Amino acid sequence: MGTEEDSLKLEVSAKLPIITTNLKKIEEILDKNLVKYNVVVTEENLASSKAKATELNKLSTNIDDYRKSKSKELSAPITKFQSECKTLYNKCENAKKALKTQIKSIR
């Protein structure tokens, strides 16, 4: 016969994500394309060098935004789990606080 404590035992069933990407292929292509940005900046090519810097900024921002978006998407179940557990924890803490307040008032 199970006790109340046994029924409050948290059970979790999780499948860890397997993340497959084409990052190695992208890195190879990127390395080949980045060669064109390896220039010595002079007065004569200042405008084109600024344009290249802008292109690199846009590309790196796109990559980082995509990383953040996917990371947020993949971590959503963990965030939800943490929030739900925190709710249970807070309920226990609030009940404990109320009980301790009453205990202190009797002393």
N, C-alpha and C. Protein backbone atom coordinates (compact mmCIF):
# COMPACT_ATOMS: atom_id res chain seq x y z
N MET A 1 0.84 -1.17 0.00
CA MET A 1 0.00 0.00 0.00
C MET A 1 0.90 1.24 0.00
N GLY A 2 0.69 2.15 -0.97
CA GLY A 2 1.52 3.33 -1.10
C GLY A 2 1.14 4.41 -0.11
N THR A 3 2.13 5.14 0.32
CA THR A 3 1.88 6.23 1.25
C THR A 3 1.64 7.51 0.45
N GLU A 4 1.16 8.53 1.14
CA GLU A 4 0.95 9.82 0.48
C GLU A 4 2.27 10.36 -0.05
N GLU A 5 3.34 10.11 0.69
CA GLU A 5 4.65 10.57 0.27
C GLU A 5 5.06 9.92 -1.05
N ASP A 6 4.75 8.64 -1.21
CA ASP A 6 5.05 7.94 -2.46
C ASP A 6 4.28 8.56 -3.63
N SER A 7 3.04 8.97 -3.39
CA SER A 7 2.24 9.53 -4.47
C SER A 7 2.73 10.92 -4.87
N LEU A 8 3.51 11.57 -4.02
CA LEU A 8 4.06 12.89 -4.34
C LEU A 8 5.45 12.81 -4.96
N LYS A 9 5.91 11.62 -5.26
CA LYS A 9 7.22 11.45 -5.87
C LYS A 9 7.14 11.85 -7.35
N LEU A 10 7.93 12.83 -7.72
CA LEU A 10 7.93 13.34 -9.09
C LEU A 10 8.53 12.31 -10.03
N GLU A 11 7.82 12.04 -11.08
CA GLU A 11 8.32 11.13 -12.11
C GLU A 11 8.47 11.91 -13.40
N VAL A 12 9.57 11.69 -14.08
CA VAL A 12 9.85 12.39 -15.33
C VAL A 12 10.24 11.37 -16.37
N SER A 13 9.63 11.49 -17.51
CA SER A 13 10.00 10.67 -18.65
C SER A 13 10.43 11.63 -19.74
N ALA A 14 11.67 11.53 -20.15
CA ALA A 14 12.18 12.49 -21.13
C ALA A 14 13.00 11.79 -22.20
N LYS A 15 12.90 12.31 -23.38
CA LYS A 15 13.76 11.89 -24.48
C LYS A 15 14.67 13.06 -24.79
N LEU A 16 15.93 12.86 -24.60
CA LEU A 16 16.86 13.94 -24.90
C LEU A 16 16.86 14.20 -26.40
N PRO A 17 16.93 15.46 -26.78
CA PRO A 17 16.90 15.75 -28.22
C PRO A 17 18.20 15.31 -28.88
N ILE A 18 18.03 14.82 -30.06
CA ILE A 18 19.18 14.53 -30.91
C ILE A 18 19.18 15.61 -31.98
N ILE A 19 20.20 16.41 -31.96
CA ILE A 19 20.26 17.56 -32.87
C ILE A 19 21.21 17.23 -34.01
N THR A 20 20.67 17.21 -35.20
CA THR A 20 21.50 17.00 -36.37
C THR A 20 21.49 18.28 -37.20
N THR A 21 22.64 18.65 -37.68
CA THR A 21 22.76 19.89 -38.43
C THR A 21 23.66 19.68 -39.64
N ASN A 22 23.72 20.69 -40.45
CA ASN A 22 24.67 20.72 -41.55
C ASN A 22 25.76 21.76 -41.28
N LEU A 23 26.06 21.97 -40.00
CA LEU A 23 27.01 23.01 -39.62
C LEU A 23 28.41 22.80 -40.21
N LYS A 24 28.85 21.58 -40.28
CA LYS A 24 30.20 21.33 -40.86
C LYS A 24 30.23 21.74 -42.33
N LYS A 25 29.18 21.41 -43.05
CA LYS A 25 29.10 21.78 -44.47
C LYS A 25 29.05 23.30 -44.61
N ILE A 26 28.23 23.94 -43.77
CA ILE A 26 28.13 25.40 -43.80
C ILE A 26 29.48 26.03 -43.46
N GLU A 27 30.16 25.46 -42.49
CA GLU A 27 31.47 25.99 -42.10
C GLU A 27 32.47 25.91 -43.25
N GLU A 28 32.46 24.80 -43.97
CA GLU A 28 33.36 24.65 -45.12
C GLU A 28 33.06 25.70 -46.19
N ILE A 29 31.78 25.89 -46.48
CA ILE A 29 31.39 26.89 -47.48
C ILE A 29 31.75 28.29 -46.99
N LEU A 30 31.48 28.55 -45.72
CA LEU A 30 31.78 29.85 -45.14
C LEU A 30 33.28 30.15 -45.20
N ASP A 31 34.09 29.15 -44.83
CA ASP A 31 35.54 29.34 -44.87
C ASP A 31 36.01 29.72 -46.28
N LYS A 32 35.44 29.07 -47.29
CA LYS A 32 35.82 29.38 -48.68
C LYS A 32 35.38 30.79 -49.06
N ASN A 33 34.20 31.20 -48.60
CA ASN A 33 33.68 32.52 -48.95
C ASN A 33 34.31 33.65 -48.16
N LEU A 34 34.81 33.35 -46.97
CA LEU A 34 35.41 34.41 -46.14
C LEU A 34 36.74 34.90 -46.69
N VAL A 35 37.33 34.14 -47.60
CA VAL A 35 38.61 34.53 -48.19
C VAL A 35 38.50 35.91 -48.85
N LYS A 36 37.35 36.19 -49.47
CA LYS A 36 37.19 37.47 -50.18
C LYS A 36 37.17 38.67 -49.23
N TYR A 37 36.99 38.40 -47.93
CA TYR A 37 36.98 39.49 -46.96
C TYR A 37 38.35 39.73 -46.34
N ASN A 38 39.30 38.91 -46.69
CA ASN A 38 40.66 39.04 -46.18
C ASN A 38 41.44 40.01 -47.08
N VAL A 39 41.20 41.30 -46.85
CA VAL A 39 41.82 42.33 -47.69
C VAL A 39 42.57 43.32 -46.80
N VAL A 40 43.48 44.02 -47.42
CA VAL A 40 44.17 45.12 -46.76
C VAL A 40 43.39 46.39 -47.11
N VAL A 41 42.92 47.09 -46.11
CA VAL A 41 42.11 48.28 -46.33
C VAL A 41 43.02 49.46 -46.67
N THR A 42 42.67 50.12 -47.75
CA THR A 42 43.41 51.31 -48.18
C THR A 42 42.41 52.43 -48.46
N GLU A 43 42.92 53.60 -48.74
CA GLU A 43 42.04 54.72 -49.11
C GLU A 43 41.24 54.36 -50.37
N GLU A 44 41.89 53.65 -51.29
CA GLU A 44 41.25 53.32 -52.56
C GLU A 44 40.10 52.33 -52.40
N ASN A 45 40.20 51.41 -51.47
CA ASN A 45 39.14 50.40 -51.33
C ASN A 45 38.33 50.57 -50.04
N LEU A 46 38.40 51.77 -49.46
CA LEU A 46 37.72 52.02 -48.20
C LEU A 46 36.20 51.79 -48.31
N ALA A 47 35.60 52.29 -49.36
CA ALA A 47 34.14 52.15 -49.53
C ALA A 47 33.75 50.69 -49.68
N SER A 48 34.49 49.95 -50.51
CA SER A 48 34.15 48.53 -50.69
C SER A 48 34.46 47.72 -49.42
N SER A 49 35.48 48.14 -48.68
CA SER A 49 35.80 47.46 -47.42
C SER A 49 34.68 47.69 -46.40
N LYS A 50 34.13 48.89 -46.35
CA LYS A 50 33.00 49.17 -45.47
C LYS A 50 31.79 48.32 -45.86
N ALA A 51 31.58 48.19 -47.16
CA ALA A 51 30.45 47.37 -47.65
C ALA A 51 30.65 45.91 -47.25
N LYS A 52 31.90 45.44 -47.35
CA LYS A 52 32.20 44.06 -46.95
C LYS A 52 31.97 43.86 -45.45
N ALA A 53 32.36 44.84 -44.65
CA ALA A 53 32.14 44.76 -43.20
C ALA A 53 30.64 44.71 -42.90
N THR A 54 29.86 45.47 -43.64
CA THR A 54 28.41 45.47 -43.47
C THR A 54 27.83 44.10 -43.83
N GLU A 55 28.32 43.51 -44.92
CA GLU A 55 27.88 42.17 -45.34
C GLU A 55 28.18 41.15 -44.24
N LEU A 56 29.40 41.21 -43.69
CA LEU A 56 29.78 40.27 -42.62
C LEU A 56 28.93 40.48 -41.38
N ASN A 57 28.63 41.72 -41.07
CA ASN A 57 27.80 42.00 -39.91
C ASN A 57 26.40 41.40 -40.10
N LYS A 58 25.85 41.57 -41.28
CA LYS A 58 24.52 41.03 -41.57
C LYS A 58 24.54 39.49 -41.49
N LEU A 59 25.55 38.88 -42.06
CA LEU A 59 25.66 37.42 -42.05
C LEU A 59 25.81 36.89 -40.62
N SER A 60 26.70 37.49 -39.84
CA SER A 60 26.91 37.01 -38.47
C SER A 60 25.66 37.23 -37.62
N THR A 61 24.95 38.33 -37.85
CA THR A 61 23.71 38.58 -37.12
C THR A 61 22.66 37.53 -37.47
N ASN A 62 22.54 37.20 -38.75
CA ASN A 62 21.59 36.16 -39.18
C ASN A 62 21.90 34.81 -38.54
N ILE A 63 23.16 34.46 -38.51
CA ILE A 63 23.57 33.19 -37.91
C ILE A 63 23.24 33.18 -36.42
N ASP A 64 23.56 34.27 -35.73
CA ASP A 64 23.33 34.34 -34.30
C ASP A 64 21.83 34.36 -33.96
N ASP A 65 21.06 35.09 -34.75
CA ASP A 65 19.60 35.11 -34.53
C ASP A 65 19.00 33.73 -34.72
N TYR A 66 19.47 33.01 -35.73
CA TYR A 66 18.97 31.65 -35.98
C TYR A 66 19.34 30.72 -34.82
N ARG A 67 20.57 30.85 -34.34
CA ARG A 67 21.02 30.04 -33.19
C ARG A 67 20.14 30.29 -31.98
N LYS A 68 19.89 31.55 -31.68
CA LYS A 68 19.07 31.90 -30.53
C LYS A 68 17.65 31.37 -30.68
N SER A 69 17.10 31.50 -31.87
CA SER A 69 15.73 31.04 -32.12
C SER A 69 15.61 29.53 -31.93
N LYS A 70 16.55 28.79 -32.50
CA LYS A 70 16.52 27.33 -32.38
C LYS A 70 16.79 26.88 -30.96
N SER A 71 17.70 27.55 -30.27
CA SER A 71 17.99 27.21 -28.88
C SER A 71 16.75 27.41 -28.02
N LYS A 72 16.06 28.51 -28.24
CA LYS A 72 14.83 28.79 -27.49
C LYS A 72 13.78 27.73 -27.77
N GLU A 73 13.64 27.38 -29.03
CA GLU A 73 12.67 26.35 -29.43
C GLU A 73 12.99 25.00 -28.79
N LEU A 74 14.25 24.61 -28.82
CA LEU A 74 14.65 23.32 -28.28
C LEU A 74 14.60 23.27 -26.76
N SER A 75 14.78 24.41 -26.12
CA SER A 75 14.77 24.42 -24.66
C SER A 75 13.37 24.67 -24.08
N ALA A 76 12.38 24.89 -24.92
CA ALA A 76 11.03 25.19 -24.44
C ALA A 76 10.49 24.12 -23.48
N PRO A 77 10.63 22.82 -23.77
CA PRO A 77 10.12 21.82 -22.82
C PRO A 77 10.83 21.88 -21.46
N ILE A 78 12.09 22.19 -21.45
CA ILE A 78 12.84 22.30 -20.20
C ILE A 78 12.36 23.51 -19.41
N THR A 79 12.17 24.61 -20.10
CA THR A 79 11.67 25.82 -19.45
C THR A 79 10.30 25.58 -18.83
N LYS A 80 9.43 24.89 -19.56
CA LYS A 80 8.10 24.58 -19.05
C LYS A 80 8.20 23.67 -17.82
N PHE A 81 9.04 22.65 -17.89
CA PHE A 81 9.24 21.74 -16.76
C PHE A 81 9.72 22.49 -15.53
N GLN A 82 10.70 23.36 -15.71
CA GLN A 82 11.24 24.13 -14.59
C GLN A 82 10.17 25.01 -13.97
N SER A 83 9.36 25.63 -14.80
CA SER A 83 8.29 26.50 -14.31
C SER A 83 7.26 25.71 -13.51
N GLU A 84 6.89 24.55 -14.02
CA GLU A 84 5.91 23.72 -13.32
C GLU A 84 6.45 23.23 -11.98
N CYS A 85 7.71 22.83 -11.95
CA CYS A 85 8.32 22.38 -10.69
C CYS A 85 8.43 23.54 -9.71
N LYS A 86 8.78 24.72 -10.21
CA LYS A 86 8.89 25.90 -9.35
C LYS A 86 7.53 26.24 -8.74
N THR A 87 6.46 26.04 -9.48
CA THR A 87 5.11 26.28 -8.95
C THR A 87 4.83 25.36 -7.77
N LEU A 88 5.18 24.08 -7.91
CA LEU A 88 4.98 23.13 -6.82
C LEU A 88 5.84 23.50 -5.61
N TYR A 89 7.07 23.85 -5.87
CA TYR A 89 7.99 24.27 -4.81
C TYR A 89 7.42 25.46 -4.04
N ASN A 90 6.95 26.47 -4.80
CA ASN A 90 6.41 27.67 -4.17
C ASN A 90 5.18 27.37 -3.32
N LYS A 91 4.34 26.44 -3.76
CA LYS A 91 3.18 26.06 -2.96
C LYS A 91 3.62 25.49 -1.61
N CYS A 92 4.63 24.64 -1.62
CA CYS A 92 5.16 24.07 -0.38
C CYS A 92 5.76 25.17 0.49
N GLU A 93 6.53 26.05 -0.10
CA GLU A 93 7.16 27.13 0.66
C GLU A 93 6.11 28.06 1.28
N ASN A 94 5.07 28.37 0.54
CA ASN A 94 4.00 29.23 1.07
C ASN A 94 3.28 28.56 2.24
N ALA A 95 3.00 27.27 2.11
CA ALA A 95 2.35 26.54 3.20
C ALA A 95 3.26 26.49 4.43
N LYS A 96 4.55 26.28 4.20
CA LYS A 96 5.52 26.24 5.30
C LYS A 96 5.60 27.59 5.99
N LYS A 97 5.62 28.65 5.21
CA LYS A 97 5.71 30.01 5.77
C LYS A 97 4.49 30.31 6.63
N ALA A 98 3.31 29.94 6.13
CA ALA A 98 2.09 30.17 6.90
C ALA A 98 2.13 29.40 8.21
N LEU A 99 2.59 28.17 8.16
CA LEU A 99 2.68 27.33 9.36
C LEU A 99 3.68 27.92 10.36
N LYS A 100 4.85 28.34 9.89
CA LYS A 100 5.87 28.91 10.76
C LYS A 100 5.40 30.21 11.39
N THR A 101 4.64 31.00 10.64
CA THR A 101 4.11 32.25 11.19
C THR A 101 3.20 31.95 12.37
N GLN A 102 2.37 30.96 12.22
CA GLN A 102 1.46 30.57 13.33
C GLN A 102 2.25 30.03 14.51
N ILE A 103 3.27 29.24 14.23
CA ILE A 103 4.10 28.68 15.32
C ILE A 103 4.76 29.81 16.10
N LYS A 104 5.31 30.81 15.40
CA LYS A 104 5.98 31.93 16.07
C LYS A 104 5.00 32.75 16.90
N SER A 105 3.75 32.84 16.46
CA SER A 105 2.77 33.64 17.21
C SER A 105 2.39 32.98 18.53
N ILE A 106 2.57 31.68 18.65
CA ILE A 106 2.24 30.97 19.88
C ILE A 106 3.39 31.05 20.87
N ARG A 107 4.58 31.15 20.45
CA ARG A 107 5.75 31.18 21.34
C ARG A 107 5.77 32.37 22.19
